[in-house]
Amino acid sequence: MKILTESELRAMCIDYTQKELPLPKGTALTPLAEEYLKERGIRVVFSNTAPGARETMPKTPFGLGDKKFVDAITGEGYAEKPEYMTHLHGNALVVKNHPQIKFRGQIDCLEAEFLEAQVLAQAQGLDALVLDLSELLRFTKEILGCEVTGRPLPDIMLLGMNAAKIREASHDVEREIGIPHPVPHHSMGTLAMKLNRLRTQVRVTELAGIDAFSRPGFYEREDILLGLNRLSSCVYILFCRLLASYYYERGEE
């Protein structure tokens, strides 16, 4: 039996235009997972031939009799999920301040910051910036998906640049964008300050990732840490492009 959590549903990057979600027979949903699908109007369809769900999520211990859940740290079994605990993956539980759960919370906050930046960019008619932010938001969701499922993060390719080029561009913005490294100032306006804040939030998320994945006894995710580092550089590039009128000029084309 497989227990599917809300975090794992988010990691599956479901197309919310679909009305049905095929899952293997025997899959159970946590209450939060059920609510997640209900809010989006998605009905679960169980099938012996449902694609992929089992292979894309980590295997977890099961078969503890009436104890449906297991403490991921101690191995202790629980018949009911304690309120102070949440799903690390499957039926494996950890306390809610576990570093990986904190990391997922930071990703959630980061996604919200991206959406707010898109609203501000759209209000100014900067469609090209909205699209660039969408690309970075998709990458942020991919990071979460890879963390929850244990998949490796694909090779970085953002804003038409690989990881090395992103680093190069963010370190030499005068050559790449045409302005010196800017010092944030309130006179730059609301949208610029939002991008600056977004950059700092990526840094906070990166630090949460270091806490989660660089501790003795826990697997390291250098791919995720590299991805977050380059994501921060990409947001800085957007900030510099905005100040260099890159998006305003593109809007006039």
Protein backbone atom coordinates (compact mmCIF):
# COMPACT_ATOMS: atom_id res chain seq x y z
CA MET A 1 0.00 0.00 0.00
CA LYS A 2 1.28 3.45 -0.92
CA ILE A 3 0.34 6.63 0.94
CA LEU A 4 0.40 9.73 -1.26
CA THR A 5 0.97 13.06 0.50
CA GLU A 6 0.25 16.65 -0.49
CA SER A 7 3.97 17.28 -0.99
CA GLU A 8 4.20 14.36 -3.40
CA LEU A 9 1.18 15.65 -5.34
CA ARG A 10 2.89 19.03 -5.69
CA ALA A 11 6.02 17.25 -6.85
CA MET A 12 4.08 15.49 -9.61
CA CYS A 13 3.51 18.89 -11.31
CA ILE A 14 -0.10 18.00 -12.15
CA ASP A 15 -1.73 19.80 -15.05
CA TYR A 16 -4.64 21.47 -13.26
CA THR A 17 -6.70 21.66 -16.44
CA GLN A 18 -7.19 17.91 -16.16
CA LYS A 19 -10.21 16.65 -14.22
CA GLU A 20 -8.94 13.17 -13.35
CA LEU A 21 -5.74 11.86 -11.79
CA PRO A 22 -4.95 8.18 -12.48
CA LEU A 23 -3.31 6.38 -9.55
CA PRO A 24 -2.42 2.72 -8.93
CA LYS A 25 -4.98 0.66 -7.04
CA GLY A 26 -4.14 0.46 -3.36
CA THR A 27 -2.87 4.04 -3.17
CA ALA A 28 -4.12 5.95 -0.14
CA LEU A 29 -4.29 9.74 0.14
CA THR A 30 -3.57 11.74 3.25
CA PRO A 31 -6.32 14.21 4.28
CA LEU A 32 -4.22 17.15 3.07
CA ALA A 33 -3.65 15.41 -0.27
CA GLU A 34 -7.39 14.84 -0.65
CA GLU A 35 -8.07 18.51 0.13
CA TYR A 36 -5.37 19.58 -2.33
CA LEU A 37 -7.12 17.71 -5.17
CA LYS A 38 -10.61 18.73 -4.07
CA GLU A 39 -9.70 22.43 -4.18
CA ARG A 40 -8.54 21.97 -7.77
CA GLY A 41 -11.56 19.96 -8.87
CA ILE A 42 -9.50 16.84 -9.65
CA ARG A 43 -11.02 13.37 -9.17
CA VAL A 44 -8.80 10.37 -8.45
CA VAL A 45 -9.25 7.33 -10.71
CA PHE A 46 -7.65 4.13 -9.44
CA SER A 47 -6.30 1.68 -12.01
CA ASN A 48 -3.96 -1.30 -12.29
CA THR A 49 -2.28 0.49 -15.21
CA ALA A 50 -1.97 4.01 -13.78
CA PRO A 51 1.31 5.51 -15.06
CA GLY A 52 4.38 6.15 -13.06
CA ALA A 53 3.17 7.11 -9.59
CA ARG A 54 4.94 4.26 -7.80
CA GLU A 55 8.21 4.68 -9.64
CA THR A 56 8.49 8.43 -9.08
CA MET A 57 8.24 8.39 -5.27
CA PRO A 58 10.60 6.88 -2.68
CA LYS A 59 9.74 3.50 -1.22
CA THR A 60 8.85 3.66 2.48
CA PRO A 61 8.31 1.01 5.17
CA PHE A 62 4.79 -0.34 5.44
CA GLY A 63 3.03 -3.33 6.95
CA LEU A 64 3.23 -2.43 10.65
CA GLY A 65 -0.20 -3.85 11.38
CA ASP A 66 -2.47 -1.24 12.90
CA LYS A 67 0.43 1.23 12.98
CA LYS A 68 0.04 2.87 9.57
CA PHE A 69 2.83 5.40 9.94
CA VAL A 70 6.49 5.16 10.86
CA ASP A 71 8.89 7.67 12.39
CA ALA A 72 11.55 8.26 9.72
CA ILE A 73 14.20 8.87 12.40
CA THR A 74 13.45 6.33 15.13
CA GLY A 75 11.41 3.69 13.28
CA GLU A 76 8.59 3.95 15.83
CA GLY A 77 5.15 3.08 14.48
CA TYR A 78 1.95 5.13 14.86
CA ALA A 79 -1.67 4.15 14.33
CA GLU A 80 -2.55 7.83 13.75
CA LYS A 81 -0.38 10.71 12.58
CA PRO A 82 0.55 12.94 15.54
CA GLU A 83 -0.37 16.61 14.99
CA TYR A 84 3.22 17.72 15.55
CA MET A 85 4.47 15.47 12.74
CA THR A 86 4.13 15.52 8.96
CA HIS A 87 5.05 13.32 5.97
CA LEU A 88 8.65 13.30 4.84
CA HIS A 89 7.65 10.88 2.08
CA GLY A 90 5.02 8.19 1.87
CA ASN A 91 4.03 7.04 5.37
CA ALA A 92 7.37 8.14 6.88
CA LEU A 93 6.84 10.94 9.41
CA VAL A 94 9.10 13.60 10.90
CA VAL A 95 8.47 16.50 13.24
CA LYS A 96 7.30 19.64 11.45
CA ASN A 97 10.51 21.53 12.16
CA HIS A 98 12.63 18.87 10.45
CA PRO A 99 15.15 20.61 8.14
CA GLN A 100 13.70 19.07 4.96
CA ILE A 101 10.19 20.18 5.93
CA LYS A 102 11.51 23.68 6.63
CA PHE A 103 13.11 23.62 3.20
CA ARG A 104 9.81 22.69 1.56
CA GLY A 105 8.15 25.54 3.44
CA GLN A 106 10.72 27.97 2.08
CA ILE A 107 10.08 26.70 -1.45
CA ASP A 108 6.37 27.33 -0.89
CA CYS A 109 7.10 30.91 0.22
CA LEU A 110 9.42 31.38 -2.74
CA GLU A 111 6.73 30.32 -5.20
CA ALA A 112 4.40 32.91 -3.64
CA GLU A 113 7.05 35.61 -4.11
CA PHE A 114 7.41 34.71 -7.79
CA LEU A 115 3.65 34.99 -8.28
CA GLU A 116 3.56 38.43 -6.63
CA ALA A 117 6.39 39.59 -8.89
CA GLN A 118 4.45 38.38 -11.93
CA VAL A 119 1.38 40.35 -10.84
CA LEU A 120 3.45 43.53 -10.57
CA ALA A 121 5.16 42.91 -13.93
CA GLN A 122 1.85 42.20 -15.64
CA ALA A 123 0.36 45.41 -14.23
CA GLN A 124 3.13 47.33 -16.02
CA GLY A 125 2.55 45.46 -19.27
CA LEU A 126 5.95 43.76 -19.12
CA ASP A 127 4.92 40.46 -20.68
CA ALA A 128 8.50 39.40 -21.40
CA LEU A 129 9.36 39.72 -17.71
CA VAL A 130 6.24 37.75 -16.77
CA LEU A 131 7.44 34.96 -19.07
CA ASP A 132 10.96 34.99 -17.62
CA LEU A 133 9.51 34.81 -14.11
CA SER A 134 7.30 31.91 -15.23
CA GLU A 135 10.39 30.03 -16.38
CA LEU A 136 12.10 30.55 -13.02
CA LEU A 137 8.91 29.58 -11.17
CA ARG A 138 8.72 26.32 -13.13
CA PHE A 139 12.32 25.61 -12.18
CA THR A 140 11.49 26.28 -8.52
CA LYS A 141 8.67 23.74 -8.73
CA GLU A 142 11.06 21.28 -10.37
CA ILE A 143 13.45 21.67 -7.44
CA LEU A 144 10.64 20.78 -5.03
CA GLY A 145 9.60 17.83 -7.17
CA CYS A 146 13.13 16.46 -7.28
CA GLU A 147 13.57 16.87 -3.53
CA VAL A 148 10.32 15.11 -2.65
CA THR A 149 10.74 12.23 -5.10
CA GLY A 150 14.51 11.84 -4.84
CA ARG A 151 15.02 12.45 -8.58
CA PRO A 152 18.18 14.24 -9.70
CA LEU A 153 17.69 17.82 -10.85
CA PRO A 154 18.11 18.07 -14.65
CA ASP A 155 20.97 20.08 -16.10
CA ILE A 156 20.32 23.78 -15.56
CA MET A 157 19.19 25.79 -18.57
CA LEU A 158 17.49 29.06 -17.62
CA LEU A 159 17.00 32.28 -19.59
CA GLY A 160 18.86 30.60 -22.44
CA MET A 161 21.95 29.99 -20.31
CA ASN A 162 23.56 27.00 -18.66
CA ALA A 163 24.89 27.06 -15.08
CA ALA A 164 28.33 28.37 -16.06
CA LYS A 165 26.94 31.14 -18.28
CA ILE A 166 24.46 32.23 -15.60
CA ARG A 167 27.31 32.66 -13.14
CA GLU A 168 29.37 34.57 -15.69
CA ALA A 169 26.49 36.89 -16.61
CA SER A 170 25.59 37.68 -13.00
CA HIS A 171 29.20 38.48 -12.14
CA ASP A 172 29.76 40.81 -15.10
CA VAL A 173 26.44 42.58 -15.66
CA GLU A 174 28.09 45.61 -17.22
CA ARG A 175 29.37 43.50 -20.10
CA GLU A 176 26.25 41.32 -20.34
CA ILE A 177 23.51 43.89 -19.67
CA GLY A 178 25.18 47.25 -20.06
CA ILE A 179 24.96 48.72 -16.56
CA PRO A 180 27.28 48.60 -13.51
CA HIS A 181 26.27 46.40 -10.59
CA PRO A 182 23.29 48.30 -9.14
CA VAL A 183 22.89 49.14 -5.46
CA PRO A 184 19.20 48.67 -4.55
CA HIS A 185 17.43 51.94 -3.71
CA HIS A 186 13.77 52.80 -3.08
CA SER A 187 13.80 55.20 -6.01
CA MET A 188 14.08 52.25 -8.38
CA GLY A 189 10.39 51.55 -7.86
CA THR A 190 8.12 48.83 -6.53
CA LEU A 191 8.79 46.21 -9.20
CA ALA A 192 12.56 46.53 -8.95
CA MET A 193 12.37 46.26 -5.17
CA LYS A 194 10.16 43.18 -5.52
CA LEU A 195 12.78 41.51 -7.72
CA ASN A 196 15.45 42.46 -5.20
CA ARG A 197 13.40 40.90 -2.40
CA LEU A 198 12.80 37.82 -4.54
CA ARG A 199 16.56 37.45 -4.96
CA THR A 200 17.04 37.54 -1.19
CA GLN A 201 14.28 34.96 -0.69
CA VAL A 202 16.08 32.57 -3.02
CA ARG A 203 19.16 33.04 -0.84
CA VAL A 204 17.11 32.23 2.28
CA THR A 205 15.83 29.09 0.55
CA GLU A 206 19.37 28.13 -0.42
CA LEU A 207 20.42 28.39 3.25
CA ALA A 208 17.46 26.21 4.25
CA GLY A 209 18.65 23.71 1.65
CA ILE A 210 22.15 23.71 3.15
CA ASP A 211 20.65 23.01 6.58
CA ALA A 212 18.57 20.17 5.10
CA PHE A 213 21.13 18.46 2.91
CA SER A 214 24.58 19.13 4.35
CA ARG A 215 24.24 17.42 7.73
CA PRO A 216 26.03 14.23 8.83
CA GLY A 217 23.87 11.19 8.23
CA PHE A 218 21.68 12.81 5.57
CA TYR A 219 22.05 12.53 1.83
CA GLU A 220 23.54 15.55 0.13
CA ARG A 221 21.76 17.26 -2.74
CA GLU A 222 24.46 19.28 -4.39
CA ASP A 223 22.31 19.42 -7.52
CA ILE A 224 19.55 21.25 -5.62
CA LEU A 225 22.00 23.60 -3.88
CA LEU A 226 23.61 24.46 -7.22
CA GLY A 227 20.16 25.00 -8.73
CA LEU A 228 19.19 27.43 -5.98
CA ASN A 229 22.47 29.31 -6.30
CA ARG A 230 21.95 29.79 -10.03
CA LEU A 231 18.27 30.64 -9.47
CA SER A 232 19.34 33.53 -7.25
CA SER A 233 21.73 34.69 -9.97
CA CYS A 234 18.92 34.54 -12.52
CA VAL A 235 16.67 36.76 -10.40
CA TYR A 236 19.56 39.22 -10.06
CA ILE A 237 19.88 39.21 -13.85
CA LEU A 238 16.16 40.03 -14.16
CA PHE A 239 16.64 42.87 -11.67
CA CYS A 240 19.52 44.29 -13.71
CA ARG A 241 17.65 43.86 -16.99
CA LEU A 242 14.69 45.80 -15.59
CA LEU A 243 16.93 48.68 -14.51
CA ALA A 244 18.61 48.66 -17.94
CA SER A 245 15.16 49.08 -19.60
CA TYR A 246 15.53 45.69 -21.29
CA TYR A 247 11.90 44.73 -20.67
CA TYR A 248 10.50 48.14 -21.53
CA GLU A 249 12.31 48.10 -24.86
CA ARG A 250 11.09 44.60 -25.62
CA GLY A 251 7.55 45.74 -24.88
CA GLU A 252 7.84 48.34 -27.63
CA GLU A 253 8.87 45.81 -30.30
